């Protein structure tokens, strides 16, 4: 005989994605030394708030960027010497993403917003504000242009009624079904018959 149970489960009611253009002019020097050559650049996105309103997700985020670069301290006989520095920028941005509701569902305020993906689609770094150190060209500013793609989903808690089947009876070790002919303590004798019995 089946049993009726009610489950409380999260249900996806809609999804959506959008692209955002971020532009920021950042000064590196001063206080840090100006940039001679760039060794490495790493970028990532941090979404720190996301709320669902009717048909949309509104959010706030940071675009983080770390630049590792060399500097010029002195030049001797054609050799440039200098320390390696890094600068990390935190660029705030925000906006909204329209959510497409799934069939039979509605995206309403009160649903939970969840970030599915945050990709940096492309970027362009423009170094400018040139300077000269020991006859070597260096840069003081970075103009950042980046395109970010964000994808969100909205979920709500819903109650779902399901029918379950009862568990079959199990043996003592809870692995094999109980035989109707033998109990848990029954064993079979597989020893050879005695010669006297033949």
N, C-alpha and C. Protein backbone atom coordinates (compact mmCIF):
# COMPACT_ATOMS: atom_id res chain seq x y z
N UNK A 1 0.85 -1.19 0.00
CA UNK A 1 0.00 0.00 0.00
C UNK A 1 0.89 1.25 0.00
N UNK A 2 0.64 2.17 -0.92
CA UNK A 2 1.47 3.37 -1.04
C UNK A 2 1.17 4.36 0.08
N UNK A 3 2.18 5.20 0.35
CA UNK A 3 2.05 6.24 1.37
C UNK A 3 2.20 7.60 0.71
N UNK A 4 1.46 8.58 1.18
CA UNK A 4 1.50 9.94 0.64
C UNK A 4 2.38 10.80 1.54
N UNK A 5 3.37 11.48 0.92
CA UNK A 5 4.25 12.38 1.67
C UNK A 5 4.32 13.73 0.96
N UNK A 6 4.53 14.78 1.75
CA UNK A 6 4.68 16.13 1.21
C UNK A 6 6.13 16.58 1.42
N UNK A 7 6.80 16.93 0.32
CA UNK A 7 8.19 17.36 0.37
C UNK A 7 8.28 18.86 0.17
N UNK A 8 9.21 19.49 0.87
CA UNK A 8 9.49 20.91 0.68
C UNK A 8 10.79 21.02 -0.11
N UNK A 9 10.70 21.51 -1.35
CA UNK A 9 11.87 21.50 -2.24
C UNK A 9 12.02 22.86 -2.93
N UNK A 10 13.27 23.25 -3.25
CA UNK A 10 13.47 24.46 -4.05
C UNK A 10 13.16 24.19 -5.52
N UNK A 11 12.43 25.09 -6.14
CA UNK A 11 12.02 24.95 -7.54
C UNK A 11 12.53 26.16 -8.32
N UNK A 12 13.19 25.90 -9.45
CA UNK A 12 13.67 26.99 -10.31
C UNK A 12 12.48 27.56 -11.07
N UNK A 13 12.25 28.86 -10.92
CA UNK A 13 11.10 29.50 -11.58
C UNK A 13 11.51 30.36 -12.77
N UNK A 14 12.80 30.66 -12.91
CA UNK A 14 13.23 31.47 -14.05
C UNK A 14 14.74 31.62 -14.10
N UNK A 15 15.24 31.95 -15.31
CA UNK A 15 16.67 32.18 -15.51
C UNK A 15 16.86 33.34 -16.47
N UNK A 16 18.06 33.92 -16.43
CA UNK A 16 18.37 35.00 -17.36
C UNK A 16 19.83 35.38 -17.29
N UNK A 17 20.34 36.02 -18.34
CA UNK A 17 21.71 36.49 -18.36
C UNK A 17 21.81 37.80 -19.12
N UNK A 18 22.87 38.55 -18.86
CA UNK A 18 23.08 39.85 -19.52
C UNK A 18 24.55 40.20 -19.46
N UNK A 19 24.95 41.12 -20.36
CA UNK A 19 26.33 41.61 -20.40
C UNK A 19 26.39 43.04 -19.87
N UNK A 20 27.54 43.38 -19.28
CA UNK A 20 27.74 44.70 -18.70
C UNK A 20 29.11 45.23 -19.10
N UNK A 21 29.14 46.51 -19.48
CA UNK A 21 30.38 47.17 -19.87
C UNK A 21 30.89 48.00 -18.69
N UNK A 22 32.15 47.77 -18.33
CA UNK A 22 32.77 48.46 -17.19
C UNK A 22 33.98 49.23 -17.69
N UNK A 23 34.03 50.51 -17.34
CA UNK A 23 35.17 51.35 -17.73
C UNK A 23 35.66 52.12 -16.51
N UNK A 24 36.97 52.06 -16.28
CA UNK A 24 37.54 52.71 -15.10
C UNK A 24 38.97 53.14 -15.40
N UNK A 25 39.27 54.40 -15.09
CA UNK A 25 40.62 54.92 -15.23
C UNK A 25 41.26 54.94 -13.84
N UNK A 26 42.36 54.20 -13.69
CA UNK A 26 42.98 54.02 -12.38
C UNK A 26 44.42 54.52 -12.40
N UNK A 27 44.77 55.26 -11.36
CA UNK A 27 46.15 55.74 -11.22
C UNK A 27 46.95 54.73 -10.39
N UNK A 28 48.11 54.35 -10.93
CA UNK A 28 49.01 53.45 -10.21
C UNK A 28 50.13 54.23 -9.51
N UNK A 29 50.66 55.23 -10.22
CA UNK A 29 51.76 56.02 -9.66
C UNK A 29 51.41 57.50 -9.68
N UNK A 30 51.66 58.21 -8.55
CA UNK A 30 51.90 57.64 -7.22
C UNK A 30 50.61 57.03 -6.64
N UNK A 31 50.66 56.27 -5.56
CA UNK A 31 51.78 56.10 -4.62
C UNK A 31 52.78 55.02 -5.02
N UNK A 32 52.36 54.04 -5.85
CA UNK A 32 53.29 52.98 -6.24
C UNK A 32 54.20 53.47 -7.36
N UNK A 33 55.32 52.78 -7.59
CA UNK A 33 56.18 53.15 -8.71
C UNK A 33 55.46 52.96 -10.03
N UNK A 34 55.81 53.71 -11.07
CA UNK A 34 55.17 53.55 -12.37
C UNK A 34 55.50 52.20 -13.01
N UNK A 35 54.73 51.85 -14.02
CA UNK A 35 54.81 50.53 -14.66
C UNK A 35 55.82 50.56 -15.80
N UNK A 36 56.76 49.62 -15.78
CA UNK A 36 57.70 49.44 -16.89
C UNK A 36 57.17 48.35 -17.84
N UNK A 37 57.07 47.12 -17.36
CA UNK A 37 56.49 46.03 -18.15
C UNK A 37 55.50 45.26 -17.28
N UNK A 38 54.46 44.73 -17.91
CA UNK A 38 53.43 43.95 -17.20
C UNK A 38 53.77 42.47 -17.28
N UNK A 39 53.85 41.81 -16.14
CA UNK A 39 54.18 40.39 -16.09
C UNK A 39 52.94 39.51 -16.09
N UNK A 40 51.88 39.94 -15.39
CA UNK A 40 50.68 39.10 -15.28
C UNK A 40 49.49 39.97 -14.89
N UNK A 41 48.31 39.59 -15.40
CA UNK A 41 47.06 40.26 -15.05
C UNK A 41 46.01 39.19 -14.74
N UNK A 42 45.36 39.30 -13.60
CA UNK A 42 44.27 38.39 -13.24
C UNK A 42 43.03 39.20 -12.91
N UNK A 43 41.88 38.73 -13.42
CA UNK A 43 40.61 39.42 -13.18
C UNK A 43 39.57 38.41 -12.71
N UNK A 44 38.69 38.85 -11.83
CA UNK A 44 37.56 38.02 -11.42
C UNK A 44 36.42 38.90 -10.93
N UNK A 45 35.23 38.30 -10.87
CA UNK A 45 34.02 39.03 -10.51
C UNK A 45 33.48 38.49 -9.19
N UNK A 46 33.10 39.40 -8.31
CA UNK A 46 32.47 39.03 -7.03
C UNK A 46 31.11 39.72 -6.94
N UNK A 47 30.04 38.93 -6.95
CA UNK A 47 28.69 39.46 -6.74
C UNK A 47 28.37 39.35 -5.26
N UNK A 48 28.16 40.49 -4.59
CA UNK A 48 27.97 40.44 -3.14
C UNK A 48 26.54 40.69 -2.70
N UNK A 49 25.67 41.20 -3.56
CA UNK A 49 24.24 41.24 -3.26
C UNK A 49 23.45 40.94 -4.53
N UNK A 50 22.36 40.21 -4.37
CA UNK A 50 21.47 39.91 -5.49
C UNK A 50 20.08 39.68 -4.93
N UNK A 51 19.11 40.45 -5.41
CA UNK A 51 17.73 40.37 -4.94
C UNK A 51 16.79 40.23 -6.13
N UNK A 52 15.75 39.42 -5.92
CA UNK A 52 14.74 39.23 -6.96
C UNK A 52 13.62 40.23 -6.77
N UNK A 53 13.30 40.95 -7.86
CA UNK A 53 12.07 41.73 -7.93
C UNK A 53 11.24 41.14 -9.06
N UNK A 54 10.11 41.73 -9.36
CA UNK A 54 9.23 41.15 -10.37
C UNK A 54 9.93 41.08 -11.73
N UNK A 55 10.21 39.86 -12.17
CA UNK A 55 10.78 39.63 -13.49
C UNK A 55 12.25 39.92 -13.63
N UNK A 56 12.94 40.32 -12.53
CA UNK A 56 14.34 40.73 -12.64
C UNK A 56 15.12 40.34 -11.39
N UNK A 57 16.45 40.36 -11.56
CA UNK A 57 17.39 40.31 -10.44
C UNK A 57 18.18 41.60 -10.45
N UNK A 58 18.21 42.31 -9.33
CA UNK A 58 19.06 43.48 -9.20
C UNK A 58 20.26 43.08 -8.34
N UNK A 59 21.44 43.59 -8.69
CA UNK A 59 22.66 43.10 -8.04
C UNK A 59 23.68 44.22 -7.90
N UNK A 60 24.65 43.97 -7.02
CA UNK A 60 25.85 44.78 -6.88
C UNK A 60 27.05 43.85 -6.89
N UNK A 61 28.14 44.31 -7.50
CA UNK A 61 29.30 43.43 -7.67
C UNK A 61 30.58 44.26 -7.72
N UNK A 62 31.69 43.53 -7.64
CA UNK A 62 33.02 44.11 -7.83
C UNK A 62 33.72 43.39 -8.97
N UNK A 63 34.41 44.15 -9.80
CA UNK A 63 35.38 43.58 -10.73
C UNK A 63 36.76 43.75 -10.08
N UNK A 64 37.37 42.63 -9.74
CA UNK A 64 38.71 42.66 -9.14
C UNK A 64 39.75 42.47 -10.23
N UNK A 65 40.86 43.19 -10.08
CA UNK A 65 41.94 43.08 -11.07
C UNK A 65 43.28 43.22 -10.35
N UNK A 66 44.16 42.25 -10.55
CA UNK A 66 45.51 42.30 -9.99
C UNK A 66 46.52 42.38 -11.13
N UNK A 67 47.38 43.38 -11.08
CA UNK A 67 48.42 43.59 -12.09
C UNK A 67 49.78 43.39 -11.42
N UNK A 68 50.57 42.48 -11.96
CA UNK A 68 51.95 42.27 -11.51
C UNK A 68 52.87 42.89 -12.55
N UNK A 69 53.75 43.79 -12.13
CA UNK A 69 54.56 44.53 -13.10
C UNK A 69 55.96 44.82 -12.57
N UNK A 70 56.86 45.11 -13.51
CA UNK A 70 58.23 45.48 -13.15
C UNK A 70 58.36 46.99 -13.13
N UNK A 71 59.38 47.46 -12.42
CA UNK A 71 59.64 48.89 -12.28
C UNK A 71 61.07 49.22 -12.71
N UNK A 72 61.35 50.49 -12.80
CA UNK A 72 62.69 50.96 -13.15
C UNK A 72 63.27 51.69 -11.94
N UNK A 73 64.38 51.17 -11.42
CA UNK A 73 65.07 51.85 -10.32
C UNK A 73 66.37 52.49 -10.80
N UNK A 74 67.12 51.73 -11.59
CA UNK A 74 68.31 52.32 -12.21
C UNK A 74 68.68 51.51 -13.45
N UNK A 75 69.39 52.16 -14.35
CA UNK A 75 69.80 51.55 -15.62
C UNK A 75 71.32 51.65 -15.71
N UNK A 76 71.95 50.50 -16.03
CA UNK A 76 73.41 50.50 -16.15
C UNK A 76 73.82 49.61 -17.32
N UNK A 77 74.55 50.22 -18.25
CA UNK A 77 75.11 49.48 -19.39
C UNK A 77 74.02 48.71 -20.15
N UNK A 78 72.88 49.38 -20.36
CA UNK A 78 71.78 48.77 -21.11
C UNK A 78 70.92 47.80 -20.33
N UNK A 79 71.17 47.65 -19.04
CA UNK A 79 70.40 46.74 -18.20
C UNK A 79 69.50 47.54 -17.27
N UNK A 80 68.21 47.19 -17.28
CA UNK A 80 67.22 47.86 -16.43
C UNK A 80 67.04 47.03 -15.16
N UNK A 81 67.19 47.66 -14.02
CA UNK A 81 67.00 46.99 -12.74
C UNK A 81 65.83 47.64 -11.99
N UNK A 82 65.06 46.80 -11.31
CA UNK A 82 63.94 47.32 -10.55
C UNK A 82 63.17 46.20 -9.88
N UNK A 83 62.39 46.56 -8.90
CA UNK A 83 61.61 45.57 -8.15
C UNK A 83 60.33 45.21 -8.91
N UNK A 84 59.75 44.08 -8.50
CA UNK A 84 58.46 43.63 -9.03
C UNK A 84 57.38 44.03 -8.04
N UNK A 85 56.35 44.71 -8.54
CA UNK A 85 55.25 45.19 -7.70
C UNK A 85 53.94 44.55 -8.18
N UNK A 86 52.92 44.72 -7.34
CA UNK A 86 51.58 44.37 -7.79
C UNK A 86 50.61 45.43 -7.30
N UNK A 87 49.57 45.64 -8.08
CA UNK A 87 48.47 46.54 -7.70
C UNK A 87 47.17 45.79 -7.92
N UNK A 88 46.28 45.84 -6.92
CA UNK A 88 44.98 45.19 -7.01
C UNK A 88 43.89 46.25 -6.93
N UNK A 89 43.00 46.25 -7.94
CA UNK A 89 41.93 47.24 -8.03
C UNK A 89 40.60 46.55 -7.75
N UNK A 90 39.70 47.28 -7.10
CA UNK A 90 38.33 46.81 -6.84
C UNK A 90 37.39 47.82 -7.48
N UNK A 91 36.77 47.42 -8.58
CA UNK A 91 35.93 48.32 -9.36
C UNK A 91 34.46 47.96 -9.13
N UNK A 92 33.68 48.81 -8.49
CA UNK A 92 32.27 48.48 -8.24
C UNK A 92 31.41 48.68 -9.48
N UNK A 93 30.41 47.81 -9.63
CA UNK A 93 29.40 47.99 -10.68
C UNK A 93 28.13 47.28 -10.24
N UNK A 94 27.05 47.56 -10.91
CA UNK A 94 25.76 46.96 -10.58
C UNK A 94 24.79 47.09 -11.74
N UNK A 95 23.61 46.53 -11.56
CA UNK A 95 22.61 46.58 -12.61
C UNK A 95 21.49 45.59 -12.34
N UNK A 96 20.84 45.18 -13.42
CA UNK A 96 19.78 44.18 -13.30
C UNK A 96 19.83 43.23 -14.48
N UNK A 97 19.28 42.04 -14.26
CA UNK A 97 19.18 41.01 -15.29
C UNK A 97 17.73 40.57 -15.37
N UNK A 98 17.15 40.63 -16.55
CA UNK A 98 15.78 40.15 -16.74
C UNK A 98 15.75 38.63 -16.72
N UNK A 99 14.76 38.08 -16.03
CA UNK A 99 14.62 36.63 -15.90
C UNK A 99 13.43 36.15 -16.72
N UNK A 100 13.66 35.09 -17.48
CA UNK A 100 12.59 34.48 -18.28
C UNK A 100 11.93 33.39 -17.44
N UNK A 101 10.64 33.53 -17.13
CA UNK A 101 9.99 32.52 -16.29
C UNK A 101 9.83 31.19 -17.02
N UNK A 102 9.94 30.10 -16.29
CA UNK A 102 9.69 28.78 -16.85
C UNK A 102 8.18 28.58 -17.01
N UNK A 103 7.77 27.65 -17.90
CA UNK A 103 6.34 27.42 -18.11
C UNK A 103 5.60 27.12 -16.81
N UNK A 104 4.52 27.85 -16.59
CA UNK A 104 3.71 27.65 -15.39
C UNK A 104 4.23 28.31 -14.14
N UNK A 105 5.34 29.07 -14.25
CA UNK A 105 5.93 29.71 -13.08
C UNK A 105 5.94 31.23 -13.25
N UNK A 106 6.12 31.94 -12.13
CA UNK A 106 6.23 33.40 -12.13
C UNK A 106 7.45 33.81 -11.33
N UNK A 107 8.13 34.85 -11.81
CA UNK A 107 9.27 35.41 -11.08
C UNK A 107 8.77 36.61 -10.29
N UNK A 108 8.65 36.44 -8.98
CA UNK A 108 8.10 37.48 -8.12
C UNK A 108 9.08 37.82 -7.00
N UNK A 109 8.88 38.99 -6.40
CA UNK A 109 9.69 39.38 -5.26
C UNK A 109 9.50 38.38 -4.12
N UNK A 110 10.58 38.02 -3.48
CA UNK A 110 10.55 37.00 -2.44
C UNK A 110 11.25 35.73 -2.86
N UNK A 111 11.43 35.54 -4.17
CA UNK A 111 12.20 34.40 -4.64
C UNK A 111 13.68 34.60 -4.31
N UNK A 112 14.43 33.54 -4.33
CA UNK A 112 15.86 33.60 -4.01
C UNK A 112 16.67 33.69 -5.29
N UNK A 113 17.60 34.66 -5.34
CA UNK A 113 18.48 34.82 -6.50
C UNK A 113 19.76 34.02 -6.29
N UNK A 114 20.17 33.30 -7.32
CA UNK A 114 21.41 32.53 -7.26
C UNK A 114 22.22 32.80 -8.51
N UNK A 115 23.51 33.08 -8.32
CA UNK A 115 24.41 33.32 -9.44
C UNK A 115 24.83 31.99 -10.04
N UNK A 116 24.61 31.83 -11.34
CA UNK A 116 25.00 30.61 -12.04
C UNK A 116 26.36 30.74 -12.69
N UNK A 117 26.66 31.92 -13.22
CA UNK A 117 27.90 32.10 -13.97
C UNK A 117 28.30 33.56 -13.96
N UNK A 118 29.61 33.80 -13.93
CA UNK A 118 30.16 35.15 -14.02
C UNK A 118 31.43 35.07 -14.86
N UNK A 119 31.31 35.48 -16.11
CA UNK A 119 32.43 35.37 -17.05
C UNK A 119 32.90 36.75 -17.49
N UNK A 120 34.21 36.88 -17.66
CA UNK A 120 34.77 38.07 -18.28
C UNK A 120 34.89 37.77 -19.77
N UNK A 121 34.02 38.37 -20.56
CA UNK A 121 33.93 38.07 -21.98
C UNK A 121 35.12 38.63 -22.76
N UNK A 122 35.66 39.74 -22.30
CA UNK A 122 36.79 40.36 -22.98
C UNK A 122 37.15 41.66 -22.30
N UNK A 123 38.38 42.12 -22.56
CA UNK A 123 38.82 43.37 -21.94
C UNK A 123 39.92 44.01 -22.78
N UNK A 124 40.10 45.30 -22.55
CA UNK A 124 41.15 46.07 -23.21
C UNK A 124 41.81 46.96 -22.18
N UNK A 125 43.12 46.79 -22.01
CA UNK A 125 43.89 47.59 -21.07
C UNK A 125 44.68 48.65 -21.84
N UNK A 126 44.46 49.90 -21.50
CA UNK A 126 45.14 51.01 -22.17
C UNK A 126 46.02 51.71 -21.15
N UNK A 127 47.33 51.57 -21.30
CA UNK A 127 48.28 52.23 -20.41
C UNK A 127 48.57 53.62 -20.95
N UNK A 128 48.53 54.62 -20.06
CA UNK A 128 48.74 56.00 -20.51
C UNK A 128 49.34 56.82 -19.38
N UNK A 129 49.41 58.13 -19.58
CA UNK A 129 50.12 59.04 -18.68
C UNK A 129 51.60 58.63 -18.59
N UNK A 130 52.27 58.76 -19.73
CA UNK A 130 53.67 58.32 -19.82
C UNK A 130 54.59 59.22 -19.01
N UNK A 131 55.67 58.60 -18.55
CA UNK A 131 56.71 59.30 -17.81
C UNK A 131 58.05 58.70 -18.23
N UNK A 132 59.14 59.24 -17.70
CA UNK A 132 60.48 58.76 -18.06
C UNK A 132 61.31 58.62 -16.78
N UNK A 133 61.85 57.41 -16.58
CA UNK A 133 62.72 57.14 -15.44
C UNK A 133 64.04 56.59 -15.97
N UNK A 134 65.13 57.29 -15.71
CA UNK A 134 66.46 56.87 -16.18
C UNK A 134 66.47 56.66 -17.70
N UNK A 135 65.70 57.48 -18.40
CA UNK A 135 65.65 57.37 -19.86
C UNK A 135 64.74 56.27 -20.38
N UNK A 136 64.00 55.59 -19.50
CA UNK A 136 63.11 54.49 -19.88
C UNK A 136 61.67 54.95 -19.74
N UNK A 137 60.85 54.63 -20.77
CA UNK A 137 59.44 55.03 -20.74
C UNK A 137 58.65 54.14 -19.78
N UNK A 138 57.87 54.79 -18.92
CA UNK A 138 57.01 54.08 -17.97
C UNK A 138 55.61 54.71 -18.01
N UNK A 139 54.65 54.05 -17.33
CA UNK A 139 53.25 54.50 -17.35
C UNK A 139 52.72 54.64 -15.93
N UNK A 140 51.87 55.65 -15.74
CA UNK A 140 51.30 55.94 -14.42
C UNK A 140 49.84 55.54 -14.27
N UNK A 141 49.11 55.39 -15.38
CA UNK A 141 47.67 55.13 -15.31
C UNK A 141 47.27 53.96 -16.21
N UNK A 142 46.16 53.36 -15.83
CA UNK A 142 45.57 52.26 -16.61
C UNK A 142 44.10 52.55 -16.84
N UNK A 143 43.69 52.57 -18.11
CA UNK A 143 42.28 52.69 -18.47
C UNK A 143 41.74 51.29 -18.74
N UNK A 144 40.83 50.88 -17.88
CA UNK A 144 40.27 49.53 -17.92
C UNK A 144 38.94 49.53 -18.66
N UNK A 145 38.82 48.65 -19.67
CA UNK A 145 37.55 48.45 -20.38
C UNK A 145 37.27 46.95 -20.43
N UNK A 146 36.17 46.56 -19.81
CA UNK A 146 35.88 45.13 -19.65
C UNK A 146 34.40 44.86 -19.89
N UNK A 147 34.12 43.71 -20.50
CA UNK A 147 32.74 43.23 -20.69
C UNK A 147 32.56 41.99 -19.82
N UNK A 148 31.55 42.04 -18.94
CA UNK A 148 31.26 40.94 -18.01
C UNK A 148 29.89 40.37 -18.33
N UNK A 149 29.78 39.04 -18.31
CA UNK A 149 28.48 38.37 -18.50
C UNK A 149 28.08 37.68 -17.19
N UNK A 150 26.87 37.98 -16.74
CA UNK A 150 26.34 37.37 -15.52
C UNK A 150 25.08 36.57 -15.85
N UNK A 151 24.95 35.41 -15.22
CA UNK A 151 23.76 34.57 -15.40
C UNK A 151 23.20 34.23 -14.03
N UNK A 152 21.89 34.44 -13.86
CA UNK A 152 21.22 34.19 -12.59
C UNK A 152 20.05 33.23 -12.79
N UNK A 153 19.64 32.61 -11.68
CA UNK A 153 18.38 31.88 -11.63
C UNK A 153 17.63 32.32 -10.38
N UNK A 154 16.31 32.14 -10.41
CA UNK A 154 15.46 32.45 -9.26
C UNK A 154 14.77 31.17 -8.82
N UNK A 155 14.76 30.93 -7.51
CA UNK A 155 14.13 29.73 -6.97
C UNK A 155 13.15 30.10 -5.87
N UNK A 156 12.13 29.27 -5.72
CA UNK A 156 11.18 29.40 -4.62
C UNK A 156 11.02 28.05 -3.94
N UNK A 157 10.61 28.08 -2.67
CA UNK A 157 10.34 26.84 -1.94
C UNK A 157 8.89 26.45 -2.18
N UNK A 158 8.68 25.24 -2.70
CA UNK A 158 7.34 24.76 -2.98
C UNK A 158 7.13 23.40 -2.32
N UNK A 159 5.85 23.07 -2.09
CA UNK A 159 5.50 21.79 -1.47
C UNK A 159 5.00 20.84 -2.56
N UNK A 160 5.60 19.67 -2.61
CA UNK A 160 5.28 18.67 -3.63
C UNK A 160 4.79 17.40 -2.93
N UNK A 161 3.65 16.89 -3.37
CA UNK A 161 3.09 15.66 -2.81
C UNK A 161 3.50 14.48 -3.68
N UNK A 162 4.06 13.45 -3.04
CA UNK A 162 4.52 12.27 -3.77
C UNK A 162 3.97 11.02 -3.09
N UNK A 163 3.85 9.95 -3.87
CA UNK A 163 3.43 8.65 -3.35
C UNK A 163 4.65 7.76 -3.25
N UNK A 164 4.82 7.09 -2.11
CA UNK A 164 5.96 6.21 -1.90
C UNK A 164 5.47 4.80 -1.62
N UNK A 165 6.27 3.80 -2.00
CA UNK A 165 5.95 2.41 -1.75
C UNK A 165 6.55 1.98 -0.42
N UNK A 166 5.87 1.11 0.31
CA UNK A 166 6.43 0.62 1.58
C UNK A 166 7.65 -0.25 1.33
N UNK A 167 8.56 -0.30 2.31
CA UNK A 167 9.76 -1.10 2.17
C UNK A 167 9.42 -2.58 2.32
N UNK A 168 10.04 -3.46 1.51
CA UNK A 168 9.82 -4.90 1.68
C UNK A 168 10.52 -5.38 2.94
N UNK A 169 10.09 -6.53 3.49
CA UNK A 169 10.78 -7.07 4.68
C UNK A 169 12.20 -7.50 4.32
N UNK A 170 13.13 -7.33 5.27
CA UNK A 170 14.53 -7.68 5.03
C UNK A 170 15.01 -8.65 6.09
N UNK A 171 16.11 -9.34 5.76
CA UNK A 171 16.70 -10.32 6.67
C UNK A 171 17.48 -9.62 7.76
N UNK A 172 18.14 -10.41 8.61
CA UNK A 172 18.85 -9.85 9.75
C UNK A 172 19.96 -8.90 9.33
N UNK A 173 20.68 -9.24 8.24
CA UNK A 173 21.77 -8.37 7.80
C UNK A 173 21.27 -7.22 6.94
N UNK A 174 19.94 -7.10 6.77
CA UNK A 174 19.32 -5.97 6.05
C UNK A 174 19.80 -5.90 4.61
N UNK A 175 20.12 -7.09 4.02
CA UNK A 175 20.60 -7.12 2.65
C UNK A 175 19.76 -8.03 1.77
N UNK A 176 19.43 -9.21 2.25
CA UNK A 176 18.71 -10.18 1.44
C UNK A 176 17.27 -10.28 1.91
N UNK A 177 16.30 -10.42 0.99
CA UNK A 177 14.89 -10.60 1.40
C UNK A 177 14.73 -11.88 2.22
N UNK A 178 13.79 -11.84 3.14
CA UNK A 178 13.52 -13.00 3.99
C UNK A 178 12.84 -14.09 3.16
N UNK A 179 13.34 -15.30 3.25
CA UNK A 179 12.71 -16.43 2.58
C UNK A 179 11.52 -16.90 3.39
N UNK A 180 10.46 -17.28 2.71
CA UNK A 180 9.26 -17.75 3.40
C UNK A 180 9.49 -19.12 4.03
N UNK A 181 10.48 -19.88 3.50
CA UNK A 181 10.71 -21.24 3.97
C UNK A 181 11.74 -21.30 5.08
N UNK A 182 12.64 -20.28 5.20
CA UNK A 182 13.71 -20.35 6.18
C UNK A 182 13.71 -19.09 7.02
N UNK A 183 14.06 -19.24 8.27
CA UNK A 183 14.18 -18.10 9.17
C UNK A 183 15.62 -17.62 9.17
N UNK A 184 15.86 -16.53 9.92
CA UNK A 184 17.20 -15.95 9.94
C UNK A 184 18.23 -16.91 10.50
N UNK A 185 17.83 -17.77 11.42
CA UNK A 185 18.80 -18.66 12.06
C UNK A 185 19.01 -19.97 11.33
N UNK A 186 18.22 -20.30 10.30
CA UNK A 186 18.35 -21.56 9.58
C UNK A 186 19.62 -21.58 8.76
N UNK A 187 20.30 -22.74 8.73
CA UNK A 187 21.48 -22.94 7.89
C UNK A 187 21.32 -24.24 7.14
N UNK A 188 22.06 -24.39 6.06
CA UNK A 188 22.02 -25.62 5.27
C UNK A 188 23.30 -26.40 5.51
N UNK A 189 23.20 -27.74 5.52
CA UNK A 189 24.35 -28.60 5.73
C UNK A 189 24.86 -29.06 4.38
N UNK A 190 26.10 -28.63 4.05
CA UNK A 190 26.69 -29.00 2.78
C UNK A 190 27.80 -30.04 2.95
N UNK A 191 27.89 -30.70 4.15
CA UNK A 191 28.93 -31.71 4.39
C UNK A 191 28.60 -33.00 3.62
N UNK A 192 29.66 -33.81 3.35
CA UNK A 192 29.47 -35.07 2.63
C UNK A 192 28.81 -36.11 3.54
N UNK A 193 27.98 -36.99 3.01
CA UNK A 193 27.32 -38.02 3.84
C UNK A 193 28.33 -39.04 4.36
N UNK A 194 28.06 -39.60 5.55
CA UNK A 194 28.91 -40.65 6.10
C UNK A 194 28.74 -41.92 5.30
N UNK A 195 29.82 -42.76 5.26
CA UNK A 195 29.76 -44.01 4.51
C UNK A 195 28.72 -44.95 5.11
N UNK A 196 28.53 -44.87 6.46
CA UNK A 196 27.57 -45.77 7.11
C UNK A 196 26.15 -45.48 6.70
N UNK A 197 25.92 -44.25 6.21
CA UNK A 197 24.56 -43.89 5.84
C UNK A 197 24.20 -44.38 4.46
N UNK A 198 25.24 -44.84 3.67
CA UNK A 198 24.95 -45.27 2.30
C UNK A 198 24.35 -46.67 2.31
